[in-house]
Amino acid sequence: MDPVVGFDQVIGTDDLGNNIYGNSIQVMVFTYLFWLLTIFYLTMIFMNFIIAVIGESFNKVLEHK
């Protein structure tokens, strides 16, 4: 018997009788949307960090002008 992990579902068998596993469309859509949200959130954090560093450098340049 094959182990089942997490949200795996048996979607069929191959020629040797082994189970073929897959995920439901809901799990795949949720995972993709979660990934997109995470990428967007991390991009905003990193862009904010870069803007802060550039702003600090700009202020240093103005002080020594």
PDB file of N, CA and C in Angstrom:
ATOM      1  N   MET A   1       0.843  -1.185   0.000  1.00  0.00           N
ATOM      2  CA  MET A   1       0.000   0.000   0.000  1.00  0.00           C
ATOM      3  C   MET A   1       0.888   1.247   0.000  1.00  0.00           C
ATOM      4  N   ASP A   2       0.571   2.212  -0.866  1.00  0.00           N
ATOM      5  CA  ASP A   2       1.339   3.441  -0.977  1.00  0.00           C
ATOM      6  C   ASP A   2       0.943   4.416   0.130  1.00  0.00           C
ATOM      7  N   PRO A   3       1.913   5.169   0.657  1.00  0.00           N
ATOM      8  CA  PRO A   3       1.568   6.168   1.677  1.00  0.00           C
ATOM      9  C   PRO A   3       0.868   7.367   1.041  1.00  0.00           C
ATOM     10  N   VAL A   4      -0.046   7.966   1.767  1.00  0.00           N
ATOM     11  CA  VAL A   4      -0.750   9.166   1.324  1.00  0.00           C
ATOM     12  C   VAL A   4      -0.327  10.293   2.250  1.00  0.00           C
ATOM     13  N   VAL A   5       0.095  11.407   1.663  1.00  0.00           N
ATOM     14  CA  VAL A   5       0.600  12.522   2.447  1.00  0.00           C
ATOM     15  C   VAL A   5      -0.283  13.741   2.198  1.00  0.00           C
ATOM     16  N   GLY A   6      -0.739  14.385   3.259  1.00  0.00           N
ATOM     17  CA  GLY A   6      -1.457  15.649   3.153  1.00  0.00           C
ATOM     18  C   GLY A   6      -2.727  15.553   2.354  1.00  0.00           C
ATOM     19  N   PHE A   7      -2.797  16.348   1.286  1.00  0.00           N
ATOM     20  CA  PHE A   7      -4.008  16.457   0.484  1.00  0.00           C
ATOM     21  C   PHE A   7      -3.986  15.564  -0.756  1.00  0.00           C
ATOM     22  N   ASP A   8      -3.080  14.604  -0.802  1.00  0.00           N
ATOM     23  CA  ASP A   8      -2.983  13.728  -1.965  1.00  0.00           C
ATOM     24  C   ASP A   8      -4.269  12.929  -2.151  1.00  0.00           C
ATOM     25  N   GLN A   9      -4.614  12.720  -3.399  1.00  0.00           N
ATOM     26  CA  GLN A   9      -5.764  11.905  -3.754  1.00  0.00           C
ATOM     27  C   GLN A   9      -5.321  10.895  -4.809  1.00  0.00           C
ATOM     28  N   VAL A  10      -5.869   9.712  -4.741  1.00  0.00           N
ATOM     29  CA  VAL A  10      -5.582   8.709  -5.763  1.00  0.00           C
ATOM     30  C   VAL A  10      -6.407   9.070  -6.991  1.00  0.00           C
ATOM     31  N   ILE A  11      -5.721   9.316  -8.116  1.00  0.00           N
ATOM     32  CA  ILE A  11      -6.429   9.704  -9.340  1.00  0.00           C
ATOM     33  C   ILE A  11      -6.421   8.600 -10.386  1.00  0.00           C
ATOM     34  N   GLY A  12      -5.791   7.488 -10.060  1.00  0.00           N
ATOM     35  CA  GLY A  12      -5.768   6.367 -10.986  1.00  0.00           C
ATOM     36  C   GLY A  12      -4.650   5.407 -10.639  1.00  0.00           C
ATOM     37  N   THR A  13      -4.455   4.444 -11.506  1.00  0.00           N
ATOM     38  CA  THR A  13      -3.368   3.491 -11.328  1.00  0.00           C
ATOM     39  C   THR A  13      -2.587   3.380 -12.628  1.00  0.00           C
ATOM     40  N   ASP A  14      -1.308   3.021 -12.505  1.00  0.00           N
ATOM     41  CA  ASP A  14      -0.498   2.832 -13.704  1.00  0.00           C
ATOM     42  C   ASP A  14      -0.585   1.374 -14.149  1.00  0.00           C
ATOM     43  N   ASP A  15       0.222   1.006 -15.124  1.00  0.00           N
ATOM     44  CA  ASP A  15       0.165  -0.343 -15.695  1.00  0.00           C
ATOM     45  C   ASP A  15       0.554  -1.423 -14.690  1.00  0.00           C
ATOM     46  N   LEU A  16       1.368  -1.070 -13.697  1.00  0.00           N
ATOM     47  CA  LEU A  16       1.825  -2.049 -12.713  1.00  0.00           C
ATOM     48  C   LEU A  16       0.915  -2.131 -11.495  1.00  0.00           C
ATOM     49  N   GLY A  17      -0.153  -1.349 -11.480  1.00  0.00           N
ATOM     50  CA  GLY A  17      -1.082  -1.368 -10.354  1.00  0.00           C
ATOM     51  C   GLY A  17      -0.741  -0.397  -9.248  1.00  0.00           C
ATOM     52  N   ASN A  18       0.297   0.422  -9.447  1.00  0.00           N
ATOM     53  CA  ASN A  18       0.650   1.425  -8.450  1.00  0.00           C
ATOM     54  C   ASN A  18      -0.290   2.616  -8.553  1.00  0.00           C
ATOM     55  N   ASN A  19      -0.613   3.198  -7.412  1.00  0.00           N
ATOM     56  CA  ASN A  19      -1.496   4.358  -7.390  1.00  0.00           C
ATOM     57  C   ASN A  19      -0.782   5.582  -7.948  1.00  0.00           C
ATOM     58  N   ILE A  20      -1.539   6.422  -8.645  1.00  0.00           N
ATOM     59  CA  ILE A  20      -1.061   7.702  -9.130  1.00  0.00           C
ATOM     60  C   ILE A  20      -1.761   8.760  -8.287  1.00  0.00           C
ATOM     61  N   TYR A  21      -0.967   9.639  -7.668  1.00  0.00           N
ATOM     62  CA  TYR A  21      -1.522  10.638  -6.758  1.00  0.00           C
ATOM     63  C   TYR A  21      -1.574  12.002  -7.412  1.00  0.00           C
ATOM     64  N   GLY A  22      -2.539  12.793  -6.990  1.00  0.00           N
ATOM     65  CA  GLY A  22      -2.683  14.163  -7.462  1.00  0.00           C
ATOM     66  C   GLY A  22      -3.397  14.988  -6.418  1.00  0.00           C
ATOM     67  N   ASN A  23      -3.642  16.244  -6.738  1.00  0.00           N
ATOM     68  CA  ASN A  23      -4.341  17.142  -5.834  1.00  0.00           C
ATOM     69  C   ASN A  23      -5.616  17.638  -6.485  1.00  0.00           C
ATOM     70  N   SER A  24      -6.573  18.042  -5.656  1.00  0.00           N
ATOM     71  CA  SER A  24      -7.813  18.592  -6.186  1.00  0.00           C
ATOM     72  C   SER A  24      -7.547  19.989  -6.743  1.00  0.00           C
ATOM     73  N   ILE A  25      -8.428  20.463  -7.579  1.00  0.00           N
ATOM     74  CA  ILE A  25      -8.265  21.779  -8.190  1.00  0.00           C
ATOM     75  C   ILE A  25      -8.327  22.869  -7.124  1.00  0.00           C
ATOM     76  N   GLN A  26      -9.112  22.662  -6.061  1.00  0.00           N
ATOM     77  CA  GLN A  26      -9.213  23.667  -4.999  1.00  0.00           C
ATOM     78  C   GLN A  26      -7.872  23.839  -4.285  1.00  0.00           C
ATOM     79  N   VAL A  27      -7.180  22.736  -4.023  1.00  0.00           N
ATOM     80  CA  VAL A  27      -5.881  22.816  -3.354  1.00  0.00           C
ATOM     81  C   VAL A  27      -4.876  23.509  -4.257  1.00  0.00           C
ATOM     82  N   MET A  28      -4.893  23.198  -5.540  1.00  0.00           N
ATOM     83  CA  MET A  28      -3.946  23.824  -6.456  1.00  0.00           C
ATOM     84  C   MET A  28      -4.207  25.321  -6.601  1.00  0.00           C
ATOM     85  N   VAL A  29      -5.469  25.726  -6.686  1.00  0.00           N
ATOM     86  CA  VAL A  29      -5.805  27.151  -6.804  1.00  0.00           C
ATOM     87  C   VAL A  29      -5.425  27.887  -5.528  1.00  0.00           C
ATOM     88  N   PHE A  30      -5.747  27.309  -4.368  1.00  0.00           N
ATOM     89  CA  PHE A  30      -5.386  27.933  -3.103  1.00  0.00           C
ATOM     90  C   PHE A  30      -3.876  28.101  -2.988  1.00  0.00           C
ATOM     91  N   THR A  31      -3.129  27.078  -3.358  1.00  0.00           N
ATOM     92  CA  THR A  31      -1.673  27.132  -3.265  1.00  0.00           C
ATOM     93  C   THR A  31      -1.113  28.211  -4.191  1.00  0.00           C
ATOM     94  N   TYR A  32      -1.621  28.284  -5.413  1.00  0.00           N
ATOM     95  CA  TYR A  32      -1.148  29.289  -6.362  1.00  0.00           C
ATOM     96  C   TYR A  32      -1.466  30.697  -5.872  1.00  0.00           C
ATOM     97  N   LEU A  33      -2.686  30.921  -5.370  1.00  0.00           N
ATOM     98  CA  LEU A  33      -3.056  32.243  -4.876  1.00  0.00           C
ATOM     99  C   LEU A  33      -2.239  32.624  -3.642  1.00  0.00           C
ATOM    100  N   PHE A  34      -2.002  31.668  -2.761  1.00  0.00           N
ATOM    101  CA  PHE A  34      -1.167  31.924  -1.583  1.00  0.00           C
ATOM    102  C   PHE A  34       0.252  32.287  -2.006  1.00  0.00           C
ATOM    103  N   TRP A  35       0.777  31.591  -2.999  1.00  0.00           N
ATOM    104  CA  TRP A  35       2.120  31.889  -3.512  1.00  0.00           C
ATOM    105  C   TRP A  35       2.169  33.305  -4.089  1.00  0.00           C
ATOM    106  N   LEU A  36       1.173  33.681  -4.889  1.00  0.00           N
ATOM    107  CA  LEU A  36       1.144  35.028  -5.469  1.00  0.00           C
ATOM    108  C   LEU A  36       1.063  36.094  -4.387  1.00  0.00           C
ATOM    109  N   LEU A  37       0.224  35.881  -3.381  1.00  0.00           N
ATOM    110  CA  LEU A  37       0.101  36.839  -2.284  1.00  0.00           C
ATOM    111  C   LEU A  37       1.416  36.969  -1.534  1.00  0.00           C
ATOM    112  N   THR A  38       2.085  35.865  -1.295  1.00  0.00           N
ATOM    113  CA  THR A  38       3.357  35.882  -0.591  1.00  0.00           C
ATOM    114  C   THR A  38       4.425  36.627  -1.396  1.00  0.00           C
ATOM    115  N   ILE A  39       4.497  36.364  -2.682  1.00  0.00           N
ATOM    116  CA  ILE A  39       5.471  37.047  -3.539  1.00  0.00           C
ATOM    117  C   ILE A  39       5.209  38.552  -3.553  1.00  0.00           C
ATOM    118  N   PHE A  40       3.943  38.938  -3.657  1.00  0.00           N
ATOM    119  CA  PHE A  40       3.596  40.363  -3.647  1.00  0.00           C
ATOM    120  C   PHE A  40       3.999  40.995  -2.328  1.00  0.00           C
ATOM    121  N   TYR A  41       3.690  40.361  -1.215  1.00  0.00           N
ATOM    122  CA  TYR A  41       3.994  40.885   0.109  1.00  0.00           C
ATOM    123  C   TYR A  41       5.506  41.026   0.306  1.00  0.00           C
ATOM    124  N   LEU A  42       6.256  40.010  -0.063  1.00  0.00           N
ATOM    125  CA  LEU A  42       7.713  40.080   0.085  1.00  0.00           C
ATOM    126  C   LEU A  42       8.327  41.142  -0.820  1.00  0.00           C
ATOM    127  N   THR A  43       7.775  41.314  -2.012  1.00  0.00           N
ATOM    128  CA  THR A  43       8.258  42.352  -2.921  1.00  0.00           C
ATOM    129  C   THR A  43       8.053  43.730  -2.305  1.00  0.00           C
ATOM    130  N   MET A  44       6.888  43.952  -1.684  1.00  0.00           N
ATOM    131  CA  MET A  44       6.628  45.239  -1.041  1.00  0.00           C
ATOM    132  C   MET A  44       7.605  45.484   0.110  1.00  0.00           C
ATOM    133  N   ILE A  45       7.901  44.470   0.888  1.00  0.00           N
ATOM    134  CA  ILE A  45       8.847  44.607   1.999  1.00  0.00           C
ATOM    135  C   ILE A  45      10.242  44.953   1.480  1.00  0.00           C
ATOM    136  N   PHE A  46      10.720  44.229   0.468  1.00  0.00           N
ATOM    137  CA  PHE A  46      12.054  44.476  -0.060  1.00  0.00           C
ATOM    138  C   PHE A  46      12.150  45.836  -0.747  1.00  0.00           C
ATOM    139  N   MET A  47      11.106  46.237  -1.460  1.00  0.00           N
ATOM    140  CA  MET A  47      11.129  47.553  -2.101  1.00  0.00           C
ATOM    141  C   MET A  47      11.158  48.651  -1.051  1.00  0.00           C
ATOM    142  N   ASN A  48      10.407  48.475   0.032  1.00  0.00           N
ATOM    143  CA  ASN A  48      10.420  49.453   1.120  1.00  0.00           C
ATOM    144  C   ASN A  48      11.813  49.555   1.722  1.00  0.00           C
ATOM    145  N   PHE A  49      12.474  48.424   1.896  1.00  0.00           N
ATOM    146  CA  PHE A  49      13.832  48.414   2.430  1.00  0.00           C
ATOM    147  C   PHE A  49      14.788  49.146   1.496  1.00  0.00           C
ATOM    148  N   ILE A  50      14.701  48.886   0.219  1.00  0.00           N
ATOM    149  CA  ILE A  50      15.587  49.536  -0.756  1.00  0.00           C
ATOM    150  C   ILE A  50      15.341  51.034  -0.777  1.00  0.00           C
ATOM    151  N   ILE A  51      14.087  51.454  -0.733  1.00  0.00           N
ATOM    152  CA  ILE A  51      13.769  52.882  -0.725  1.00  0.00           C
ATOM    153  C   ILE A  51      14.330  53.540   0.527  1.00  0.00           C
ATOM    154  N   ALA A  52      14.239  52.868   1.666  1.00  0.00           N
ATOM    155  CA  ALA A  52      14.783  53.425   2.911  1.00  0.00           C
ATOM    156  C   ALA A  52      16.302  53.591   2.827  1.00  0.00           C
ATOM    157  N   VAL A  53      16.990  52.613   2.275  1.00  0.00           N
ATOM    158  CA  VAL A  53      18.451  52.692   2.146  1.00  0.00           C
ATOM    159  C   VAL A  53      18.838  53.810   1.186  1.00  0.00           C
ATOM    160  N   ILE A  54      18.136  53.931   0.078  1.00  0.00           N
ATOM    161  CA  ILE A  54      18.437  55.000  -0.882  1.00  0.00           C
ATOM    162  C   ILE A  54      18.162  56.365  -0.260  1.00  0.00           C
ATOM    163  N   GLY A  55      17.060  56.465   0.492  1.00  0.00           N
ATOM    164  CA  GLY A  55      16.748  57.730   1.157  1.00  0.00           C
ATOM    165  C   GLY A  55      17.804  58.115   2.172  1.00  0.00           C
ATOM    166  N   GLU A  56      18.308  57.154   2.926  1.00  0.00           N
ATOM    167  CA  GLU A  56      19.363  57.422   3.896  1.00  0.00           C
ATOM    168  C   GLU A  56      20.646  57.875   3.196  1.00  0.00           C
ATOM    169  N   SER A  57      20.992  57.222   2.101  1.00  0.00           N
ATOM    170  CA  SER A  57      22.181  57.624   1.344  1.00  0.00           C
ATOM    171  C   SER A  57      22.020  59.021   0.772  1.00  0.00           C
ATOM    172  N   PHE A  58      20.839  59.329   0.284  1.00  0.00           N
ATOM    173  CA  PHE A  58      20.573  60.656  -0.274  1.00  0.00           C
ATOM    174  C   PHE A  58      20.733  61.716   0.808  1.00  0.00           C
ATOM    175  N   ASN A  59      20.230  61.451   2.019  1.00  0.00           N
ATOM    176  CA  ASN A  59      20.374  62.421   3.116  1.00  0.00           C
ATOM    177  C   ASN A  59      21.838  62.618   3.500  1.00  0.00           C
ATOM    178  N   LYS A  60      22.626  61.562   3.484  1.00  0.00           N
ATOM    179  CA  LYS A  60      24.062  61.688   3.784  1.00  0.00           C
ATOM    180  C   LYS A  60      24.760  62.553   2.740  1.00  0.00           C
ATOM    181  N   VAL A  61      24.405  62.372   1.484  1.00  0.00           N
ATOM    182  CA  VAL A  61      24.999  63.169   0.415  1.00  0.00           C
ATOM    183  C   VAL A  61      24.634  64.641   0.596  1.00  0.00           C
ATOM    184  N   LEU A  62      23.377  64.922   0.943  1.00  0.00           N
ATOM    185  CA  LEU A  62      22.962  66.302   1.146  1.00  0.00           C
ATOM    186  C   LEU A  62      23.674  66.949   2.333  1.00  0.00           C
ATOM    187  N   GLU A  63      23.930  66.168   3.387  1.00  0.00           N
ATOM    188  CA  GLU A  63      24.631  66.712   4.552  1.00  0.00           C
ATOM    189  C   GLU A  63      26.063  67.100   4.213  1.00  0.00           C
ATOM    190  N   HIS A  64      26.722  66.333   3.364  1.00  0.00           N
ATOM    191  CA  HIS A  64      28.130  66.571   3.045  1.00  0.00           C
ATOM    192  C   HIS A  64      28.321  67.435   1.796  1.00  0.00           C
ATOM    193  N   LYS A  65      27.237  67.964   1.286  1.00  0.00           N
ATOM    194  CA  LYS A  65      27.300  68.748   0.049  1.00  0.00           C
ATOM    195  C   LYS A  65      27.984  70.079   0.278  1.00  0.00           C
TER     196      LYS A  65
END
